[in-house]
């Protein structure tokens, strides 16, 4: 049987919140890896962690290789621009 409804409020205790963040981030990274592997897609995730005590804000990506993350980001960006250009071309042709 599934879990009950989760209360979506900020976790007040900073240590508990950080611990919960770390566990959920790990699960999110694993799910992203599984999605990319099983479905054969390019996936990329960027997580900006919370500021905890005197520690700086952490930034973590999947894939962990910065060059691969950048390649996937740029490929998706180019794809979006191509879609926009195709729509503009279609609109211009309809106007002629």
PDB file of N, CA and C in Angstrom:
ATOM      1  N   UNK A   1       0.841  -1.175   0.000  1.00  0.00           N
ATOM      2  CA  UNK A   1       0.000   0.000   0.000  1.00  0.00           C
ATOM      3  C   UNK A   1       0.888   1.240   0.000  1.00  0.00           C
ATOM      4  N   UNK A   2       0.447   2.300  -0.639  1.00  0.00           N
ATOM      5  CA  UNK A   2       1.238   3.516  -0.766  1.00  0.00           C
ATOM      6  C   UNK A   2       1.329   4.314   0.521  1.00  0.00           C
ATOM      7  N   UNK A   3       2.202   5.274   0.492  1.00  0.00           N
ATOM      8  CA  UNK A   3       2.393   6.166   1.628  1.00  0.00           C
ATOM      9  C   UNK A   3       1.231   7.142   1.723  1.00  0.00           C
ATOM     10  N   UNK A   4       0.948   7.594   2.925  1.00  0.00           N
ATOM     11  CA  UNK A   4      -0.115   8.578   3.132  1.00  0.00           C
ATOM     12  C   UNK A   4       0.272   9.925   2.548  1.00  0.00           C
ATOM     13  N   UNK A   5      -0.666  10.846   2.562  1.00  0.00           N
ATOM     14  CA  UNK A   5      -0.420  12.180   2.026  1.00  0.00           C
ATOM     15  C   UNK A   5       0.683  12.868   2.825  1.00  0.00           C
ATOM     16  N   UNK A   6       1.626  13.462   2.112  1.00  0.00           N
ATOM     17  CA  UNK A   6       2.759  14.139   2.725  1.00  0.00           C
ATOM     18  C   UNK A   6       2.415  15.607   2.942  1.00  0.00           C
ATOM     19  N   UNK A   7       2.654  16.096   4.143  1.00  0.00           N
ATOM     20  CA  UNK A   7       2.402  17.498   4.455  1.00  0.00           C
ATOM     21  C   UNK A   7       3.516  18.345   3.837  1.00  0.00           C
ATOM     22  N   UNK A   8       3.168  19.281   2.967  1.00  0.00           N
ATOM     23  CA  UNK A   8       4.159  20.065   2.239  1.00  0.00           C
ATOM     24  C   UNK A   8       4.438  21.400   2.926  1.00  0.00           C
ATOM     25  N   UNK A   9       5.038  21.334   4.096  1.00  0.00           N
ATOM     26  CA  UNK A   9       5.452  22.522   4.827  1.00  0.00           C
ATOM     27  C   UNK A   9       6.966  22.515   4.957  1.00  0.00           C
ATOM     28  N   UNK A  10       7.530  23.693   5.136  1.00  0.00           N
ATOM     29  CA  UNK A  10       8.964  23.807   5.354  1.00  0.00           C
ATOM     30  C   UNK A  10       9.347  23.063   6.627  1.00  0.00           C
ATOM     31  N   UNK A  11      10.421  22.288   6.548  1.00  0.00           N
ATOM     32  CA  UNK A  11      10.924  21.596   7.729  1.00  0.00           C
ATOM     33  C   UNK A  11      11.636  22.645   8.576  1.00  0.00           C
ATOM     34  N   UNK A  12      11.150  22.865   9.762  1.00  0.00           N
ATOM     35  CA  UNK A  12      11.646  23.953  10.616  1.00  0.00           C
ATOM     36  C   UNK A  12      13.071  23.722  11.108  1.00  0.00           C
ATOM     37  N   UNK A  13      13.377  22.499  11.522  1.00  0.00           N
ATOM     38  CA  UNK A  13      14.701  22.199  12.057  1.00  0.00           C
ATOM     39  C   UNK A  13      15.715  22.176  10.914  1.00  0.00           C
ATOM     40  N   UNK A  14      16.737  23.036  11.001  1.00  0.00           N
ATOM     41  CA  UNK A  14      17.702  23.184   9.916  1.00  0.00           C
ATOM     42  C   UNK A  14      18.461  21.891   9.631  1.00  0.00           C
ATOM     43  N   UNK A  15      18.878  21.172  10.679  1.00  0.00           N
ATOM     44  CA  UNK A  15      19.612  19.919  10.476  1.00  0.00           C
ATOM     45  C   UNK A  15      18.732  18.865   9.818  1.00  0.00           C
ATOM     46  N   UNK A  16      17.497  18.766  10.256  1.00  0.00           N
ATOM     47  CA  UNK A  16      16.560  17.809   9.653  1.00  0.00           C
ATOM     48  C   UNK A  16      16.288  18.173   8.196  1.00  0.00           C
ATOM     49  N   UNK A  17      16.128  19.471   7.932  1.00  0.00           N
ATOM     50  CA  UNK A  17      15.869  19.936   6.570  1.00  0.00           C
ATOM     51  C   UNK A  17      17.037  19.594   5.651  1.00  0.00           C
ATOM     52  N   UNK A  18      18.264  19.814   6.145  1.00  0.00           N
ATOM     53  CA  UNK A  18      19.447  19.531   5.337  1.00  0.00           C
ATOM     54  C   UNK A  18      19.591  18.031   5.097  1.00  0.00           C
ATOM     55  N   UNK A  19      19.337  17.234   6.132  1.00  0.00           N
ATOM     56  CA  UNK A  19      19.416  15.780   6.009  1.00  0.00           C
ATOM     57  C   UNK A  19      18.382  15.277   5.005  1.00  0.00           C
ATOM     58  N   UNK A  20      17.171  15.794   5.093  1.00  0.00           N
ATOM     59  CA  UNK A  20      16.106  15.423   4.176  1.00  0.00           C
ATOM     60  C   UNK A  20      16.465  15.836   2.751  1.00  0.00           C
ATOM     61  N   UNK A  21      17.041  17.015   2.602  1.00  0.00           N
ATOM     62  CA  UNK A  21      17.473  17.495   1.286  1.00  0.00           C
ATOM     63  C   UNK A  21      18.489  16.539   0.669  1.00  0.00           C
ATOM     64  N   UNK A  22      19.490  16.140   1.459  1.00  0.00           N
ATOM     65  CA  UNK A  22      20.534  15.244   0.946  1.00  0.00           C
ATOM     66  C   UNK A  22      19.947  13.911   0.482  1.00  0.00           C
ATOM     67  N   UNK A  23      19.043  13.339   1.274  1.00  0.00           N
ATOM     68  CA  UNK A  23      18.433  12.057   0.902  1.00  0.00           C
ATOM     69  C   UNK A  23      17.595  12.199  -0.369  1.00  0.00           C
ATOM     70  N   UNK A  24      16.798  13.235  -0.438  1.00  0.00           N
ATOM     71  CA  UNK A  24      15.927  13.423  -1.601  1.00  0.00           C
ATOM     72  C   UNK A  24      16.731  13.766  -2.854  1.00  0.00           C
ATOM     73  N   UNK A  25      17.822  14.511  -2.680  1.00  0.00           N
ATOM     74  CA  UNK A  25      18.682  14.833  -3.818  1.00  0.00           C
ATOM     75  C   UNK A  25      19.296  13.555  -4.377  1.00  0.00           C
ATOM     76  N   UNK A  26      19.739  12.683  -3.490  1.00  0.00           N
ATOM     77  CA  UNK A  26      20.321  11.408  -3.914  1.00  0.00           C
ATOM     78  C   UNK A  26      19.297  10.606  -4.717  1.00  0.00           C
ATOM     79  N   UNK A  27      18.051  10.562  -4.224  1.00  0.00           N
ATOM     80  CA  UNK A  27      16.990   9.850  -4.938  1.00  0.00           C
ATOM     81  C   UNK A  27      16.681  10.475  -6.286  1.00  0.00           C
ATOM     82  N   UNK A  28      16.692  11.807  -6.343  1.00  0.00           N
ATOM     83  CA  UNK A  28      16.426  12.518  -7.589  1.00  0.00           C
ATOM     84  C   UNK A  28      17.515  12.233  -8.624  1.00  0.00           C
ATOM     85  N   UNK A  29      18.770  12.222  -8.176  1.00  0.00           N
ATOM     86  CA  UNK A  29      19.887  11.917  -9.076  1.00  0.00           C
ATOM     87  C   UNK A  29      19.760  10.488  -9.614  1.00  0.00           C
ATOM     88  N   UNK A  30      19.405   9.552  -8.740  1.00  0.00           N
ATOM     89  CA  UNK A  30      19.248   8.157  -9.150  1.00  0.00           C
ATOM     90  C   UNK A  30      18.116   8.025 -10.168  1.00  0.00           C
ATOM     91  N   UNK A  31      16.992   8.687  -9.912  1.00  0.00           N
ATOM     92  CA  UNK A  31      15.854   8.628 -10.836  1.00  0.00           C
ATOM     93  C   UNK A  31      16.209   9.235 -12.196  1.00  0.00           C
ATOM     94  N   UNK A  32      16.987  10.307 -12.193  1.00  0.00           N
ATOM     95  CA  UNK A  32      17.400  10.929 -13.448  1.00  0.00           C
ATOM     96  C   UNK A  32      18.279   9.978 -14.242  1.00  0.00           C
ATOM     97  N   UNK A  33      19.221   9.324 -13.550  1.00  0.00           N
ATOM     98  CA  UNK A  33      20.096   8.342 -14.197  1.00  0.00           C
ATOM     99  C   UNK A  33      19.259   7.208 -14.797  1.00  0.00           C
ATOM    100  N   UNK A  34      18.312   6.688 -14.013  1.00  0.00           N
ATOM    101  CA  UNK A  34      17.471   5.585 -14.481  1.00  0.00           C
ATOM    102  C   UNK A  34      16.640   6.004 -15.690  1.00  0.00           C
ATOM    103  N   UNK A  35      16.058   7.181 -15.643  1.00  0.00           N
ATOM    104  CA  UNK A  35      15.249   7.685 -16.748  1.00  0.00           C
ATOM    105  C   UNK A  35      16.084   7.793 -18.022  1.00  0.00           C
ATOM    106  N   UNK A  36      17.274   8.377 -17.902  1.00  0.00           N
ATOM    107  CA  UNK A  36      18.146   8.548 -19.063  1.00  0.00           C
ATOM    108  C   UNK A  36      18.593   7.199 -19.619  1.00  0.00           C
ATOM    109  N   UNK A  37      18.919   6.271 -18.735  1.00  0.00           N
ATOM    110  CA  UNK A  37      19.419   4.968 -19.166  1.00  0.00           C
ATOM    111  C   UNK A  37      18.312   4.111 -19.772  1.00  0.00           C
ATOM    112  N   UNK A  38      17.203   3.980 -19.075  1.00  0.00           N
ATOM    113  CA  UNK A  38      16.134   3.089 -19.519  1.00  0.00           C
ATOM    114  C   UNK A  38      15.398   3.606 -20.749  1.00  0.00           C
ATOM    115  N   UNK A  39      15.277   4.918 -20.878  1.00  0.00           N
ATOM    116  CA  UNK A  39      14.523   5.495 -21.994  1.00  0.00           C
ATOM    117  C   UNK A  39      15.420   5.980 -23.124  1.00  0.00           C
ATOM    118  N   UNK A  40      16.737   5.925 -22.927  1.00  0.00           N
ATOM    119  CA  UNK A  40      17.667   6.338 -23.968  1.00  0.00           C
ATOM    120  C   UNK A  40      17.565   7.810 -24.314  1.00  0.00           C
ATOM    121  N   UNK A  41      17.399   8.647 -23.301  1.00  0.00           N
ATOM    122  CA  UNK A  41      17.266  10.088 -23.539  1.00  0.00           C
ATOM    123  C   UNK A  41      18.434  10.835 -22.913  1.00  0.00           C
ATOM    124  N   UNK A  42      18.639  12.056 -23.368  1.00  0.00           N
ATOM    125  CA  UNK A  42      19.592  12.947 -22.709  1.00  0.00           C
ATOM    126  C   UNK A  42      18.849  13.645 -21.585  1.00  0.00           C
ATOM    127  N   UNK A  43      19.346  13.489 -20.387  1.00  0.00           N
ATOM    128  CA  UNK A  43      18.752  14.162 -19.233  1.00  0.00           C
ATOM    129  C   UNK A  43      19.844  14.945 -18.532  1.00  0.00           C
ATOM    130  N   UNK A  44      19.459  16.031 -17.926  1.00  0.00           N
ATOM    131  CA  UNK A  44      20.411  16.872 -17.207  1.00  0.00           C
ATOM    132  C   UNK A  44      19.667  17.486 -16.035  1.00  0.00           C
ATOM    133  N   UNK A  45      20.324  17.518 -14.888  1.00  0.00           N
ATOM    134  CA  UNK A  45      19.697  18.111 -13.710  1.00  0.00           C
ATOM    135  C   UNK A  45      20.727  18.975 -12.998  1.00  0.00           C
ATOM    136  N   UNK A  46      20.299  20.138 -12.565  1.00  0.00           N
ATOM    137  CA  UNK A  46      21.146  21.048 -11.794  1.00  0.00           C
ATOM    138  C   UNK A  46      20.416  21.329 -10.493  1.00  0.00           C
ATOM    139  N   UNK A  47      21.072  21.031  -9.371  1.00  0.00           N
ATOM    140  CA  UNK A  47      20.460  21.214  -8.056  1.00  0.00           C
ATOM    141  C   UNK A  47      21.277  22.233  -7.274  1.00  0.00           C
ATOM    142  N   UNK A  48      20.618  23.298  -6.847  1.00  0.00           N
ATOM    143  CA  UNK A  48      21.237  24.292  -5.983  1.00  0.00           C
ATOM    144  C   UNK A  48      20.812  23.970  -4.564  1.00  0.00           C
ATOM    145  N   UNK A  49      21.773  23.554  -3.749  1.00  0.00           N
ATOM    146  CA  UNK A  49      21.462  23.159  -2.382  1.00  0.00           C
ATOM    147  C   UNK A  49      21.233  24.349  -1.472  1.00  0.00           C
ATOM    148  N   UNK A  50      20.679  24.075  -0.297  1.00  0.00           N
ATOM    149  CA  UNK A  50      20.431  25.158   0.660  1.00  0.00           C
ATOM    150  C   UNK A  50      21.715  25.594   1.350  1.00  0.00           C
ATOM    151  N   UNK A  51      21.710  26.800   1.852  1.00  0.00           N
ATOM    152  CA  UNK A  51      22.836  27.252   2.671  1.00  0.00           C
ATOM    153  C   UNK A  51      22.626  26.644   4.049  1.00  0.00           C
ATOM    154  N   UNK A  52      23.636  25.920   4.524  1.00  0.00           N
ATOM    155  CA  UNK A  52      23.527  25.231   5.806  1.00  0.00           C
ATOM    156  C   UNK A  52      24.650  25.702   6.715  1.00  0.00           C
ATOM    157  N   UNK A  53      24.296  26.427   7.760  1.00  0.00           N
ATOM    158  CA  UNK A  53      25.307  26.915   8.701  1.00  0.00           C
ATOM    159  C   UNK A  53      26.308  27.802   7.989  1.00  0.00           C
ATOM    160  N   UNK A  54      27.590  27.496   8.181  1.00  0.00           N
ATOM    161  CA  UNK A  54      28.641  28.302   7.555  1.00  0.00           C
ATOM    162  C   UNK A  54      29.088  27.704   6.221  1.00  0.00           C
ATOM    163  N   UNK A  55      28.448  26.609   5.788  1.00  0.00           N
ATOM    164  CA  UNK A  55      28.807  25.987   4.515  1.00  0.00           C
ATOM    165  C   UNK A  55      28.229  26.799   3.356  1.00  0.00           C
ATOM    166  N   UNK A  56      28.975  26.904   2.250  1.00  0.00           N
ATOM    167  CA  UNK A  56      28.440  27.632   1.093  1.00  0.00           C
ATOM    168  C   UNK A  56      27.342  26.818   0.410  1.00  0.00           C
ATOM    169  N   UNK A  57      26.578  27.472  -0.448  1.00  0.00           N
ATOM    170  CA  UNK A  57      25.535  26.786  -1.211  1.00  0.00           C
ATOM    171  C   UNK A  57      26.209  25.799  -2.158  1.00  0.00           C
ATOM    172  N   UNK A  58      25.726  24.552  -2.158  1.00  0.00           N
ATOM    173  CA  UNK A  58      26.299  23.539  -3.042  1.00  0.00           C
ATOM    174  C   UNK A  58      25.529  23.526  -4.357  1.00  0.00           C
ATOM    175  N   UNK A  59      26.263  23.288  -5.424  1.00  0.00           N
ATOM    176  CA  UNK A  59      25.640  23.100  -6.729  1.00  0.00           C
ATOM    177  C   UNK A  59      26.083  21.730  -7.212  1.00  0.00           C
ATOM    178  N   UNK A  60      25.108  20.882  -7.527  1.00  0.00           N
ATOM    179  CA  UNK A  60      25.433  19.543  -8.001  1.00  0.00           C
ATOM    180  C   UNK A  60      24.686  19.298  -9.295  1.00  0.00           C
ATOM    181  N   UNK A  61      25.348  18.616 -10.220  1.00  0.00           N
ATOM    182  CA  UNK A  61      24.730  18.325 -11.509  1.00  0.00           C
ATOM    183  C   UNK A  61      24.759  16.832 -11.786  1.00  0.00           C
ATOM    184  N   UNK A  62      23.863  16.413 -12.630  1.00  0.00           N
ATOM    185  CA  UNK A  62      23.938  15.081 -13.215  1.00  0.00           C
ATOM    186  C   UNK A  62      23.758  15.265 -14.700  1.00  0.00           C
ATOM    187  N   UNK A  63      24.678  14.765 -15.491  1.00  0.00           N
ATOM    188  CA  UNK A  63      25.869  14.006 -15.149  1.00  0.00           C
ATOM    189  C   UNK A  63      26.885  14.869 -14.408  1.00  0.00           C
ATOM    190  N   UNK A  64      27.726  14.200 -13.631  1.00  0.00           N
ATOM    191  CA  UNK A  64      28.666  14.941 -12.791  1.00  0.00           C
ATOM    192  C   UNK A  64      29.780  15.602 -13.594  1.00  0.00           C
ATOM    193  N   UNK A  65      30.064  15.096 -14.777  1.00  0.00           N
ATOM    194  CA  UNK A  65      31.083  15.687 -15.636  1.00  0.00           C
ATOM    195  C   UNK A  65      30.563  17.028 -16.169  1.00  0.00           C
ATOM    196  N   UNK A  66      31.223  18.140 -15.812  1.00  0.00           N
ATOM    197  CA  UNK A  66      30.741  19.468 -16.239  1.00  0.00           C
ATOM    198  C   UNK A  66      30.662  19.625 -17.758  1.00  0.00           C
ATOM    199  N   UNK A  67      31.596  19.010 -18.491  1.00  0.00           N
ATOM    200  CA  UNK A  67      31.572  19.121 -19.952  1.00  0.00           C
ATOM    201  C   UNK A  67      30.338  18.438 -20.540  1.00  0.00           C
ATOM    202  N   UNK A  68      29.981  17.276 -19.989  1.00  0.00           N
ATOM    203  CA  UNK A  68      28.804  16.552 -20.466  1.00  0.00           C
ATOM    204  C   UNK A  68      27.525  17.313 -20.129  1.00  0.00           C
ATOM    205  N   UNK A  69      27.476  17.897 -18.942  1.00  0.00           N
ATOM    206  CA  UNK A  69      26.312  18.698 -18.552  1.00  0.00           C
ATOM    207  C   UNK A  69      26.161  19.888 -19.497  1.00  0.00           C
ATOM    208  N   UNK A  70      27.259  20.562 -19.786  1.00  0.00           N
ATOM    209  CA  UNK A  70      27.222  21.718 -20.687  1.00  0.00           C
ATOM    210  C   UNK A  70      26.800  21.306 -22.095  1.00  0.00           C
ATOM    211  N   UNK A  71      27.312  20.158 -22.579  1.00  0.00           N
ATOM    212  CA  UNK A  71      26.947  19.676 -23.911  1.00  0.00           C
ATOM    213  C   UNK A  71      25.440  19.439 -24.004  1.00  0.00           C
ATOM    214  N   UNK A  72      24.881  18.790 -22.977  1.00  0.00           N
ATOM    215  CA  UNK A  72      23.446  18.502 -22.987  1.00  0.00           C
ATOM    216  C   UNK A  72      22.629  19.789 -22.917  1.00  0.00           C
ATOM    217  N   UNK A  73      23.095  20.736 -22.111  1.00  0.00           N
ATOM    218  CA  UNK A  73      22.389  22.014 -21.976  1.00  0.00           C
ATOM    219  C   UNK A  73      22.377  22.762 -23.309  1.00  0.00           C
ATOM    220  N   UNK A  74      23.548  22.821 -23.959  1.00  0.00           N
ATOM    221  CA  UNK A  74      23.645  23.531 -25.239  1.00  0.00           C
ATOM    222  C   UNK A  74      22.825  22.844 -26.321  1.00  0.00           C
ATOM    223  N   UNK A  75      22.838  21.508 -26.347  1.00  0.00           N
ATOM    224  CA  UNK A  75      22.075  20.770 -27.356  1.00  0.00           C
ATOM    225  C   UNK A  75      20.591  21.075 -27.220  1.00  0.00           C
ATOM    226  N   UNK A  76      20.097  21.105 -26.005  1.00  0.00           N
ATOM    227  CA  UNK A  76      18.671  21.394 -25.786  1.00  0.00           C
ATOM    228  C   UNK A  76      18.360  22.844 -26.145  1.00  0.00           C
ATOM    229  N   UNK A  77      19.281  23.745 -25.845  1.00  0.00           N
ATOM    230  CA  UNK A  77      19.088  25.155 -26.160  1.00  0.00           C
ATOM    231  C   UNK A  77      19.006  25.354 -27.672  1.00  0.00           C
ATOM    232  N   UNK A  78      19.890  24.699 -28.402  1.00  0.00           N
ATOM    233  CA  UNK A  78      19.883  24.796 -29.865  1.00  0.00           C
ATOM    234  C   UNK A  78      18.584  24.224 -30.420  1.00  0.00           C
ATOM    235  N   UNK A  79      18.148  23.107 -29.848  1.00  0.00           N
ATOM    236  CA  UNK A  79      16.900  22.480 -30.285  1.00  0.00           C
ATOM    237  C   UNK A  79      15.715  23.434 -30.103  1.00  0.00           C
ATOM    238  N   UNK A  80      15.671  24.124 -28.971  1.00  0.00           N
ATOM    239  CA  UNK A  80      14.580  25.079 -28.723  1.00  0.00           C
ATOM    240  C   UNK A  80      14.609  26.222 -29.735  1.00  0.00           C
ATOM    241  N   UNK A  81      15.807  26.720 -30.045  1.00  0.00           N
ATOM    242  CA  UNK A  81      15.924  27.810 -31.011  1.00  0.00           C
ATOM    243  C   UNK A  81      15.477  27.357 -32.401  1.00  0.00           C
ATOM    244  N   UNK A  82      15.803  26.123 -32.755  1.00  0.00           N
ATOM    245  CA  UNK A  82      15.390  25.600 -34.057  1.00  0.00           C
ATOM    246  C   UNK A  82      13.863  25.497 -34.139  1.00  0.00           C
ATOM    247  N   UNK A  83      13.224  25.068 -33.066  1.00  0.00           N
ATOM    248  CA  UNK A  83      11.761  24.984 -33.049  1.00  0.00           C
ATOM    249  C   UNK A  83      11.138  26.364 -33.237  1.00  0.00           C
ATOM    250  N   UNK A  84      11.685  27.352 -32.563  1.00  0.00           N
ATOM    251  CA  UNK A  84      11.176  28.724 -32.683  1.00  0.00           C
ATOM    252  C   UNK A  84      11.351  29.227 -34.114  1.00  0.00           C
ATOM    253  N   UNK A  85      12.518  28.967 -34.704  1.00  0.00           N
ATOM    254  CA  UNK A  85      12.772  29.405 -36.075  1.00  0.00           C
ATOM    255  C   UNK A  85      11.801  28.737 -37.049  1.00  0.00           C
ATOM    256  N   UNK A  86      11.531  27.445 -36.843  1.00  0.00           N
ATOM    257  CA  UNK A  86      10.584  26.742 -37.719  1.00  0.00           C
ATOM    258  C   UNK A  86       9.189  27.363 -37.623  1.00  0.00           C
ATOM    259  N   UNK A  87       8.773  27.717 -36.424  1.00  0.00           N
ATOM    260  CA  UNK A  87       7.465  28.349 -36.243  1.00  0.00           C
ATOM    261  C   UNK A  87       7.416  29.709 -36.933  1.00  0.00           C
ATOM    262  N   UNK A  88       8.499  30.472 -36.821  1.00  0.00           N
ATOM    263  CA  UNK A  88       8.548  31.783 -37.479  1.00  0.00           C
ATOM    264  C   UNK A  88       8.496  31.640 -38.992  1.00  0.00           C
ATOM    265  N   UNK A  89       9.214  30.677 -39.521  1.00  0.00           N
ATOM    266  CA  UNK A  89       9.210  30.445 -40.968  1.00  0.00           C
ATOM    267  C   UNK A  89       7.810  30.075 -41.434  1.00  0.00           C
ATOM    268  N   UNK A  90       7.152  29.213 -40.674  1.00  0.00           N
ATOM    269  CA  UNK A  90       5.781  28.813 -41.013  1.00  0.00           C
ATOM    270  C   UNK A  90       4.849  30.020 -41.011  1.00  0.00           C
ATOM    271  N   UNK A  91       4.963  30.863 -39.997  1.00  0.00           N
ATOM    272  CA  UNK A  91       4.123  32.068 -39.930  1.00  0.00           C
ATOM    273  C   UNK A  91       4.390  33.006 -41.099  1.00  0.00           C
ATOM    274  N   UNK A  92       5.663  33.190 -41.445  1.00  0.00           N
ATOM    275  CA  UNK A  92       6.011  34.070 -42.562  1.00  0.00           C
ATOM    276  C   UNK A  92       5.460  33.533 -43.875  1.00  0.00           C
ATOM    277  N   UNK A  93       5.522  32.220 -44.063  1.00  0.00           N
ATOM    278  CA  UNK A  93       4.995  31.628 -45.300  1.00  0.00           C
ATOM    279  C   UNK A  93       3.483  31.812 -45.385  1.00  0.00           C
ATOM    280  N   UNK A  94       2.812  31.709 -44.254  1.00  0.00           N
ATOM    281  CA  UNK A  94       1.354  31.894 -44.247  1.00  0.00           C
ATOM    282  C   UNK A  94       0.995  33.341 -44.554  1.00  0.00           C
ATOM    283  N   UNK A  95       1.855  34.280 -44.194  1.00  0.00           N
ATOM    284  CA  UNK A  95       1.584  35.698 -44.426  1.00  0.00           C
ATOM    285  C   UNK A  95       1.792  36.080 -45.889  1.00  0.00           C
ATOM    286  N   UNK A  96       2.604  35.331 -46.608  1.00  0.00           N
ATOM    287  CA  UNK A  96       2.882  35.673 -48.012  1.00  0.00           C
ATOM    288  C   UNK A  96       1.769  35.300 -48.932  1.00  0.00           C
TER     289      UNK A  96
END
